[in-house]
Amino acid sequence: MEHNKKIIEPDNTAVRTALWRAMHVEIDALPHIIDDEVGLKLVAPNNDWQQRPDMHPEFTKRLRASIVARARFIEDLIIKESAQGINQYVILGAGLDTFAQRQPDIASKLQVYEIDQPDTQTWKRQRLTELGFGAPNWLHFVSVNFEISSWWDELLKAGFDLNKPAVVACTGVSLYLSKEAIITTLRQLATLAAGSTLAVAFYLPMDLLDEEDKFLQQIAEKGAREAGTPFVSFFTPDEILALAKEARFKQAKTTSAKDMEQLYFANRTDSLLPASGEIFLLATT
């Protein structure tokens, strides 16, 4: 019966992230941290999308800055590593990532594996086709229902080569995973071929946030609980490095919001700065 047909929609968080990247281009001063309007084309929201409560230009400014900083950080990493010969790029929790569409000259020299939930990927593939981007043979959509199947097994089925090094990026995911699940994932990734690099975003506990970020974090946690996707994992920098050591990565370091400020936000004229809650683990095999 047609009226019972399931409506395929992307994850709400993926949509919000794409719109924040677009808002950065539309309202923040030059130079832009990253120029990404492809996500806006994918989502194709109503004309009043900037009036959404979660798009408030000032209220969400620091979160928006964090989103574009993380995207730039990951993109700089894969560009650097690909120039040194790495040709496999895995995006865990890809959402509406648009690297492949915005940087085809670089991406086409890689095997790009986007891993995410089936509904988000089905919707995204359809929109890419409608917009004329399509799915080139170097772009692999690895759809995984994380509750019933292994992302690692599905990645291997998609053609990932265990004998070659890779870059693996994971943002916006660890918050929702138990510590045990994170440890299991890190141990798996530590078995990648020598020379591989992992960049994963973790989140600091409330007492380590800047004062101006605590209220927004409380609102975000409340919203996540009410949506049935509560935040469950927060780590201090020392705990993050301990996780990497336990997983047996050869080298590991963290990159904080303050480090991001130095990398991307120095000498800006609009006081755009990232929120303090996100911290990256950069680890190598």
Protein backbone atom coordinates (compact mmCIF):
# COMPACT_ATOMS: atom_id res chain seq x y z
CA MET A 1 0.00 0.00 0.00
CA GLU A 2 1.53 3.26 -1.15
CA HIS A 3 0.63 5.32 1.91
CA ASN A 4 2.61 2.94 4.12
CA LYS A 5 5.77 3.35 2.06
CA LYS A 6 8.68 4.44 4.21
CA ILE A 7 9.98 7.95 3.58
CA ILE A 8 13.75 7.93 3.19
CA GLU A 9 15.35 10.93 4.90
CA PRO A 10 18.91 11.87 5.91
CA ASP A 11 19.99 12.05 9.53
CA ASN A 12 18.99 15.35 11.19
CA THR A 13 22.50 15.94 12.51
CA ALA A 14 23.97 15.47 9.03
CA VAL A 15 21.54 18.05 7.63
CA ARG A 16 22.31 20.54 10.41
CA THR A 17 26.05 20.17 9.83
CA ALA A 18 25.67 20.75 6.09
CA LEU A 19 23.58 23.87 6.69
CA TRP A 20 26.08 25.27 9.20
CA ARG A 21 28.84 24.89 6.60
CA ALA A 22 26.66 26.74 4.09
CA MET A 23 25.81 29.46 6.61
CA HIS A 24 29.51 30.05 7.16
CA VAL A 25 29.90 30.89 3.47
CA GLU A 26 26.80 33.06 3.40
CA ILE A 27 27.20 35.20 6.53
CA ASP A 28 30.74 34.98 7.93
CA ALA A 29 33.52 37.30 6.82
CA LEU A 30 36.24 36.36 4.37
CA PRO A 31 38.45 34.40 4.30
CA HIS A 32 36.19 31.39 4.67
CA ILE A 33 37.64 28.45 6.60
CA ILE A 34 36.07 26.16 4.01
CA ASP A 35 33.86 26.90 1.01
CA ASP A 36 31.08 24.34 1.01
CA GLU A 37 27.75 25.10 -0.59
CA VAL A 38 27.25 21.66 -2.09
CA GLY A 39 25.61 20.48 1.14
CA LEU A 40 23.08 23.29 0.82
CA LYS A 41 22.26 22.11 -2.71
CA LEU A 42 21.80 18.57 -1.41
CA VAL A 43 19.47 19.58 1.39
CA ALA A 44 17.59 22.19 -0.70
CA PRO A 45 15.86 23.69 2.36
CA ASN A 46 13.07 26.28 2.32
CA ASN A 47 14.11 29.87 1.69
CA ASP A 48 13.70 30.68 5.39
CA TRP A 49 16.14 27.98 6.51
CA GLN A 50 18.37 30.50 8.28
CA GLN A 51 15.45 31.25 10.62
CA ARG A 52 15.48 27.72 12.00
CA PRO A 53 16.14 27.79 15.78
CA ASP A 54 19.30 25.68 15.30
CA MET A 55 20.60 28.15 12.70
CA HIS A 56 20.51 31.31 14.83
CA PRO A 57 23.54 33.25 13.46
CA GLU A 58 24.87 34.46 16.83
CA PHE A 59 23.63 31.78 19.20
CA THR A 60 25.25 28.97 17.19
CA LYS A 61 28.29 30.94 16.01
CA ARG A 62 30.91 28.99 17.95
CA LEU A 63 29.38 25.65 16.98
CA ARG A 64 29.35 26.71 13.34
CA ALA A 65 33.02 27.66 13.65
CA SER A 66 33.81 24.23 15.11
CA ILE A 67 32.05 22.50 12.23
CA VAL A 68 33.97 24.36 9.53
CA ALA A 69 37.25 24.00 11.43
CA ARG A 70 36.88 20.24 11.72
CA ALA A 71 36.02 19.98 8.01
CA ARG A 72 39.09 22.03 7.06
CA PHE A 73 41.33 20.07 9.45
CA ILE A 74 40.29 16.74 7.93
CA GLU A 75 40.53 18.07 4.40
CA ASP A 76 44.03 19.45 4.96
CA LEU A 77 45.04 16.05 6.34
CA ILE A 78 43.79 13.99 3.39
CA ILE A 79 45.26 16.46 0.88
CA LYS A 80 48.67 16.24 2.62
CA GLU A 81 48.58 12.45 2.90
CA SER A 82 47.41 11.92 -0.67
CA ALA A 83 50.33 14.05 -1.89
CA GLN A 84 52.59 11.57 -0.06
CA GLY A 85 51.05 8.58 -1.81
CA ILE A 86 48.12 7.49 0.37
CA ASN A 87 45.23 6.50 -1.89
CA GLN A 88 42.54 5.18 0.48
CA TYR A 89 40.27 7.52 2.46
CA VAL A 90 37.62 6.25 4.86
CA ILE A 91 34.99 8.55 6.36
CA LEU A 92 33.28 6.94 9.35
CA GLY A 93 29.92 8.62 9.87
CA ALA A 94 30.15 10.49 6.56
CA GLY A 95 26.73 12.13 6.71
CA LEU A 96 26.50 14.72 3.94
CA ASP A 97 30.25 15.08 3.47
CA THR A 98 31.01 16.82 0.17
CA PHE A 99 34.78 16.42 -0.25
CA ALA A 100 34.31 14.17 -3.28
CA GLN A 101 32.09 16.73 -5.02
CA ARG A 102 34.11 19.85 -4.11
CA GLN A 103 37.61 18.45 -4.64
CA PRO A 104 37.23 15.97 -7.53
CA ASP A 105 40.78 16.53 -8.82
CA ILE A 106 42.15 15.21 -5.52
CA ALA A 107 39.38 12.75 -4.65
CA SER A 108 39.51 11.05 -8.04
CA LYS A 109 43.07 9.89 -7.26
CA LEU A 110 41.78 8.13 -4.14
CA GLN A 111 39.43 5.33 -3.25
CA VAL A 112 36.94 7.15 -1.03
CA TYR A 113 34.78 5.05 1.31
CA GLU A 114 31.85 6.85 2.95
CA ILE A 115 30.37 4.83 5.82
CA ASP A 116 26.98 5.68 7.30
CA GLN A 117 23.41 4.56 7.95
CA PRO A 118 21.47 3.19 4.96
CA ASP A 119 18.73 5.87 4.88
CA THR A 120 21.18 8.78 4.84
CA GLN A 121 23.23 7.16 2.08
CA THR A 122 20.23 6.17 -0.05
CA TRP A 123 18.91 9.73 0.16
CA LYS A 124 22.33 11.25 -0.55
CA ARG A 125 22.98 9.07 -3.59
CA GLN A 126 19.60 10.02 -5.02
CA ARG A 127 20.27 13.73 -4.50
CA LEU A 128 23.75 13.48 -6.03
CA THR A 129 22.19 11.88 -9.11
CA GLU A 130 19.48 14.54 -9.31
CA LEU A 131 22.08 17.32 -9.08
CA GLY A 132 24.28 15.77 -11.76
CA PHE A 133 27.19 14.76 -9.52
CA GLY A 134 26.54 11.04 -9.75
CA ALA A 135 28.76 8.43 -8.07
CA PRO A 136 32.11 7.88 -9.84
CA ASN A 137 33.72 4.47 -9.50
CA TRP A 138 36.25 5.75 -6.92
CA LEU A 139 33.47 6.83 -4.54
CA HIS A 140 32.11 3.95 -2.47
CA PHE A 141 28.98 4.22 -0.32
CA VAL A 142 29.28 1.70 2.51
CA SER A 143 25.84 1.47 4.10
CA VAL A 144 25.83 -0.06 7.57
CA ASN A 145 23.10 -0.68 10.10
CA PHE A 146 25.47 -0.44 13.05
CA GLU A 147 23.15 -2.42 15.33
CA ILE A 148 23.17 -5.57 13.22
CA SER A 149 26.29 -5.53 11.05
CA SER A 150 30.00 -4.70 11.20
CA TRP A 151 31.23 -1.53 9.46
CA TRP A 152 34.63 -3.20 9.13
CA ASP A 153 33.20 -6.22 7.31
CA GLU A 154 31.17 -3.98 5.02
CA LEU A 155 34.24 -1.83 4.30
CA LEU A 156 36.21 -4.90 3.21
CA LYS A 157 33.30 -6.04 1.02
CA ALA A 158 33.39 -2.63 -0.67
CA GLY A 159 36.95 -3.27 -1.84
CA PHE A 160 39.09 -1.65 0.86
CA ASP A 161 42.65 -3.00 0.67
CA LEU A 162 44.07 -3.99 4.07
CA ASN A 163 47.56 -4.11 2.64
CA LYS A 164 47.64 -0.41 1.77
CA PRO A 165 47.75 2.50 4.21
CA ALA A 166 44.75 4.78 4.56
CA VAL A 167 43.44 7.92 6.16
CA VAL A 168 40.40 7.37 8.38
CA ALA A 169 38.35 10.32 9.59
CA CYS A 170 35.57 10.16 12.16
CA THR A 171 33.73 13.24 13.42
CA GLY A 172 30.47 13.65 15.28
CA VAL A 173 30.33 9.96 16.22
CA SER A 174 32.21 9.23 19.47
CA LEU A 175 29.68 11.17 21.56
CA TYR A 176 27.08 8.51 20.87
CA LEU A 177 29.28 5.45 21.47
CA SER A 178 30.07 3.69 24.72
CA LYS A 179 33.67 3.65 25.88
CA GLU A 180 33.77 -0.08 25.12
CA ALA A 181 32.60 0.50 21.53
CA ILE A 182 35.20 3.24 21.08
CA ILE A 183 37.98 0.99 22.38
CA THR A 184 36.90 -1.80 20.01
CA THR A 185 36.87 0.60 17.07
CA LEU A 186 40.30 2.03 17.89
CA ARG A 187 41.80 -1.46 18.25
CA GLN A 188 40.40 -2.37 14.84
CA LEU A 189 41.79 0.78 13.24
CA ALA A 190 45.20 0.23 14.83
CA THR A 191 45.52 -2.91 12.67
CA LEU A 192 45.53 -0.85 9.47
CA ALA A 193 48.62 -1.04 7.27
CA ALA A 194 51.69 0.80 8.54
CA GLY A 195 51.64 4.47 7.63
CA SER A 196 47.90 4.87 8.11
CA THR A 197 46.50 7.92 9.91
CA LEU A 198 43.40 8.23 12.06
CA ALA A 199 41.70 11.53 12.86
CA VAL A 200 38.78 11.19 15.27
CA ALA A 201 36.89 13.89 17.13
CA PHE A 202 36.24 13.44 20.85
CA TYR A 203 34.36 15.69 23.23
CA LEU A 204 35.48 17.16 26.52
CA PRO A 205 33.48 16.81 29.75
CA MET A 206 31.46 19.82 30.85
CA ASP A 207 33.93 21.00 33.49
CA LEU A 208 36.66 21.45 30.85
CA LEU A 209 34.57 23.68 28.57
CA ASP A 210 34.93 27.44 28.39
CA GLU A 211 32.17 29.11 30.40
CA GLU A 212 30.52 30.55 27.30
CA ASP A 213 30.07 27.05 25.84
CA LYS A 214 28.51 25.32 28.86
CA PHE A 215 24.94 26.59 28.41
CA LEU A 216 24.83 25.60 24.74
CA GLN A 217 26.23 22.19 25.64
CA GLN A 218 23.47 21.71 28.21
CA ILE A 219 20.86 22.54 25.57
CA ALA A 220 22.47 20.14 23.10
CA GLU A 221 22.56 17.32 25.65
CA LYS A 222 18.90 17.88 26.52
CA GLY A 223 17.91 17.83 22.86
CA ALA A 224 19.91 14.67 22.21
CA ARG A 225 18.23 12.88 25.13
CA GLU A 226 14.78 13.90 23.97
CA ALA A 227 15.57 12.71 20.44
CA GLY A 228 16.54 9.29 21.79
CA THR A 229 20.21 9.70 20.86
CA PRO A 230 21.84 10.72 24.15
CA PHE A 231 25.47 11.81 24.45
CA VAL A 232 27.28 9.08 26.36
CA SER A 233 31.05 9.54 26.03
CA PHE A 234 33.28 12.43 27.05
CA PHE A 235 37.05 12.28 27.58
CA THR A 236 39.87 14.44 28.90
CA PRO A 237 42.94 14.86 26.65
CA ASP A 238 44.95 12.45 28.80
CA GLU A 239 42.19 9.83 28.59
CA ILE A 240 42.12 10.16 24.80
CA LEU A 241 45.86 9.56 24.55
CA ALA A 242 45.51 6.60 26.91
CA LEU A 243 42.88 5.09 24.59
CA ALA A 244 45.27 5.42 21.65
CA LYS A 245 48.12 3.86 23.61
CA GLU A 246 45.92 0.97 24.74
CA ALA A 247 44.89 0.38 21.11
CA ARG A 248 48.61 0.20 20.19
CA PHE A 249 48.92 3.09 17.77
CA LYS A 250 52.56 3.94 17.16
CA GLN A 251 52.13 7.68 17.65
CA ALA A 252 49.30 9.83 18.95
CA LYS A 253 48.66 13.48 19.73
CA THR A 254 45.65 15.71 20.31
CA THR A 255 44.58 18.90 18.57
CA SER A 256 42.41 21.20 20.70
CA ALA A 257 40.05 24.05 19.85
CA LYS A 258 42.84 26.43 20.85
CA ASP A 259 45.11 24.74 18.31
CA MET A 260 42.36 25.17 15.70
CA GLU A 261 42.24 28.87 16.53
CA GLN A 262 45.94 29.20 15.71
CA LEU A 263 45.58 27.16 12.53
CA TYR A 264 42.53 28.78 11.00
CA PHE A 265 41.16 31.76 12.93
CA ALA A 266 44.14 34.03 13.53
CA ASN A 267 43.70 37.68 12.51
CA ARG A 268 40.01 37.34 11.63
CA THR A 269 37.92 40.51 11.75
CA ASP A 270 34.61 38.92 12.80
CA SER A 271 35.57 37.31 16.16
CA LEU A 272 34.63 33.90 14.77
CA LEU A 273 36.13 31.25 17.08
CA PRO A 274 35.38 27.54 17.59
CA ALA A 275 33.64 26.16 20.66
CA SER A 276 35.92 24.58 23.21
CA GLY A 277 34.31 21.15 23.46
CA GLU A 278 35.77 19.26 20.50
CA ILE A 279 39.26 17.77 20.50
CA PHE A 280 40.91 15.62 17.84
CA LEU A 281 42.99 12.52 18.25
CA LEU A 282 45.55 12.18 15.46
CA ALA A 283 47.13 8.72 15.55
CA THR A 284 49.32 6.72 13.19
CA THR A 285 50.01 3.02 12.70
